[in-house]
Amino acid sequence: MNVGAAVRRVRAYGGQFLLLAVLTLVVTLLISGVPRLVNRLAEQGLRAQLNSEPAARRDLSYTSSLAAATQRRTAMGDAAQRFDALAAEMPPPVRSAVTERWYSVETGAARVVGPDLAARSLLVDLGLRAMPGIQGASTLVEGTWPSETYVPDRPIEVALDVDVARKLNLHAGSQLRIGNTDDKGRLIDGAPLVVTGLFRPVDRANGIWDGLPQLLRVIEPPGDAMPFVIVGVVAQSALNKRAAEGWPIQSNWRYRLGVDRIDSRELDQLIDGLQVMQRNQPSGLTLTQGVDVPLRAFAAQIDAVRTLLAVIAAGVLATLAGLIVLAASLATRRRRSEFALLRARGGGATAGARRSLAESVLVVPVAAALGWWLGTLFPGAPDPTTPYVIVVTVLVTLALPLATLAVPAGGAGRRDLIRVRPSARRLTVEVSLLLLAGLAAVLLRRRGLTLGEVDPLLVSVPVLLAIAAAVLALRAYPWPLLLVSRLAARTRGSVAFLGTARAGRAAVAAPLVVVVLAIGTAAFCAVVAAGVDASRERAAAQIVPADAVIRGERFAPDTVDELGRLPGVQAVTPVLYEDDERFASDEAGTDAFIEQTDVLLVDGSGLDKVARDSQVDLSIPAALRTAAPGPGPLPAIVSPAVAADLTKAGLDDSAFISVQGQRYEFRVAGTQDGFPLLAANTSRFVILPWQALPTRTTIPVPTSLLIAGDSLDAEALRVAGDEGQGRYQRNGTVTGRDRPLGVTVDTRADVRRDLGEGGANGVLAFGFVAGAVGGTLLGLLAIAFTVLAGARARGQVLSRLRTLGLSRRQWRGLLLVELTPLVAVSVLTGALVGAVLPLLLNPVLGLSAFTSGVPVRVAFEPSLVAAVLALGAIALGFAVAVEALNNRRLRLGEVLRLGEES
């Protein structure tokens, strides 16, 4: 094949080859660039999620039991040797993620006494810890570090954090004694101890200080007449001496996973490695780790979003493939006379295809390489996409010669007629497509999707259903227009009749399929995004069914009134939650032999008021809302699992449940799968109406408080909650002497924001935006192809009608009448496909990972109708604009000389 001739033909038909090259570039750019961008967003989301957690959450901590040393080697030497051995035994994915590691050996906390402590009547227990590297992470403020040189009969030398020492009235040189105590708290067998120095950490965020108990803080006494607990630093030789003397010691080895070392693409391997470590703990050691919790949560999100992206990508790539086919078909149609002349001059059946192949080879590979190179410039780790780029390049290169082979060998026939009875070949193809789409949909519902993996058949279900819908639309398309055309023929004027007649005879098969694919993909993204957003609102209302919630241990009853006096507070209602409570079959407490359950006490009317004032759509069962004090069992709402157990035990009429030491009789008044304030995966619960509880000497006290109001001050709520807990403790009604932990305050707005941010939400948002915008733009481009495909024939008709006296205004009306049915049926069919697909795919996409476990519900969105109408208007205007531009490019005489088809 003459390369020069091929180059000249490419130049002569530059616009057509430029379009083909641009489409090729876009496809290869998406294939090579989008995975990088997704990996980048996933990496950012993973780092943000891990960084939002305390750094100690990423620690893998091995701890030995507190016992006397049994090895002949030194305690520190044995710990050092095992330090390296434990790291070597880790699975490779875990070991490669470790960036920092520490080990320490310490004694149990023992009582210390001395003049400086007695001066303030302080009761203190002190633990001794030896940890290599601690001197390099701190600065000596006063005195000296404990000496490593062993000297017989020398007191135990210890260094303390300067803030810890000053809080306990200690300083460099403080003389103390340490040892065990008798039953009366008096020190026995005490050993001399001296504080040799005080230090301050260089960086408090350094992981060396995260060992428990911490070196940098005083552990407050949990109750009255109980000691403060602190930890001091000793030399390794001193620790070895204490171990040799039989003091109980405990070793700890900590390995911290680095955020930058955790690859979002290899989370499954890392999580599996952590599971292996948990199952194969060394004898005598306890492994403590919590990093698998955020990793599993993020892995669930990333698996769901990758599956969703695969579905969206299938729609976008299928649309681009259809556009490439349209571009190739349009190019060969314009050159039909050239290929017919080539055959007439003795060319073989494949002569035109060989010519098109030579031209395509000059354009497509270059465009594909450029698109692949531009994709490599996207930020993010690469995926192995080069083989896909090569396959796509080959297929696009063959698109033009294959389209040339499809050109009829004879002269051009009329293409503006639609057969009433389709050919057997076309009917077979259409029926096959419908059957394949139905089979794929059935397989999808039965097998589902494996999250994080791509099943080509099942992921292609949206494409197959869109094609099937387009086929059905094509079958139904001409009949309404035929009826309208007959009605228009009876009216005065020719615009309506000619427009509907031409629209009914338009050959729109391939373009319509592409438009439906594109618009269906965009509508699918919009509908699913709206469903996820609405489900996040429901999840936030499930977690905080008010404007704010204060969670604590137990609050004094007057805390409700105190909160009601705060600025902006409109309503407050108490809630009591206890987990793992047992059922009883009678008031005496006879065990009902039913699995334990969670119990929630709510004031039904108060909860309803708080929800209404907070504008939360919360459906409170009437049994809880209208319950009142009276004889008989309390009406309760239970989970289906609890109801089944009660029925099986023969306790349908009534059963007893314990709440804060009080036993209450209840009956099942209804069942629900979930309830606000309970986790979405809670399957066993009993909800009792607080306002209907019988009057008793011991009244229940709330563990949470729901608040409705405007412009709430979270800090003021926290202070009021802490004071409420303090008042309850001071009243002497606390069971035990433990000091309550500080309350937590959550607002519904903060919870909603947290659900929509962090984790893999960035990847999810990218998928929705890219799918919706890309599908819309590709749909408009497909409509442009549809217009251009019949532009020459349409231009001839309009030009002849203009010579017969058709005015410019009538010409515009004729154009609108002809194009409106085409645009309407394509956009509406695509929108219908996009609205139906989520109903089929939503159960298998796993999007509840983004809604705190609340199932994502996809429902009809009224805004979708407005969006479809707006898109249809834009698409129609775009189609008219494309037609007008094309007509301006061709003069009237040129159009009339072009022949019937070109």
Foldseek 3Di string as FASTA:
>chain_A
DDLVVLVVVCVVPVVLLVVLLVLLLVVLLCLWAVVFVLQVLQLVLLLVLCVVDQQCQQKKKKKFDFFFDDDPDFPVVVLVVVLVVVLVPFDVLQSLQFDDKWKKKKFDWWWKDADQQVVVVATETEMEMAIPPPPVQKAWDDFDAADQDDDPPDAFEWEAAPVAQVVRRHAAFTKMWTAHADPVRHHDPTTIYGYGTHIHGPDPSPCVQVDPPGRHDWADAQFPPGHIYHYTYGHSNSSRVCSVVTGTMMMMMMTGGDSVSDRLVCLVVVLVSVVVCCVDPDPRIDIDHNPSVVSVLLNLVVLLLVLVLLLLVLLLVVLSVLVLLLSLLLVLQQCLVVVLVCVVVPDDLQRVLVSLLSSLVVRQVVSLVVSSVSSVPHHGDTDPSVVVSVVSSVVSSNSNSVSNSVRDNDDDDDQLADDPDDDPVVVVVLVVLVVLLVVLLVCCVVVFDDGNDDDPSNSCSLLSVLLNLLSVCLNVQLVVLVVQLVVVVPDPDDQLNLQSSSLSRADCRSLLSSLLSLLLLLLLLVLLVVLLLVLLLVLLCQQALAQKKKFWAFFAPCLQVVVCPDPFFDAKWFKAKDWFWFKAADQVRHGLPDGGFIEMETAQCRSVVRNVLRVHPFDGDPLQPVAAADDDAFEKEWAPVVCVSCVVSVNQRWIWIDDPNHIGIHHYPYYDCGGGNDANPGRTYIYTHQNHDDDDPDHDTGRMMHTHGPPDDQVVVQVSRLVRLVVVVVVVPDDDRGDIDGMDMDGSVVSSVVLCDRRSNVSSVVSSVCSNVSSLVSSLVSLLSSLVSCLLLLLLVLLVVVVVPQDPVSSLSSLLSNCLSVLVSSLVSSSVSSLVVCVSNQVRSSSCSSNSNRRRDRDDDPVSVVVSVVSSVVSSVSSSVSSVVVSVVDDSVRSNPPPNTD
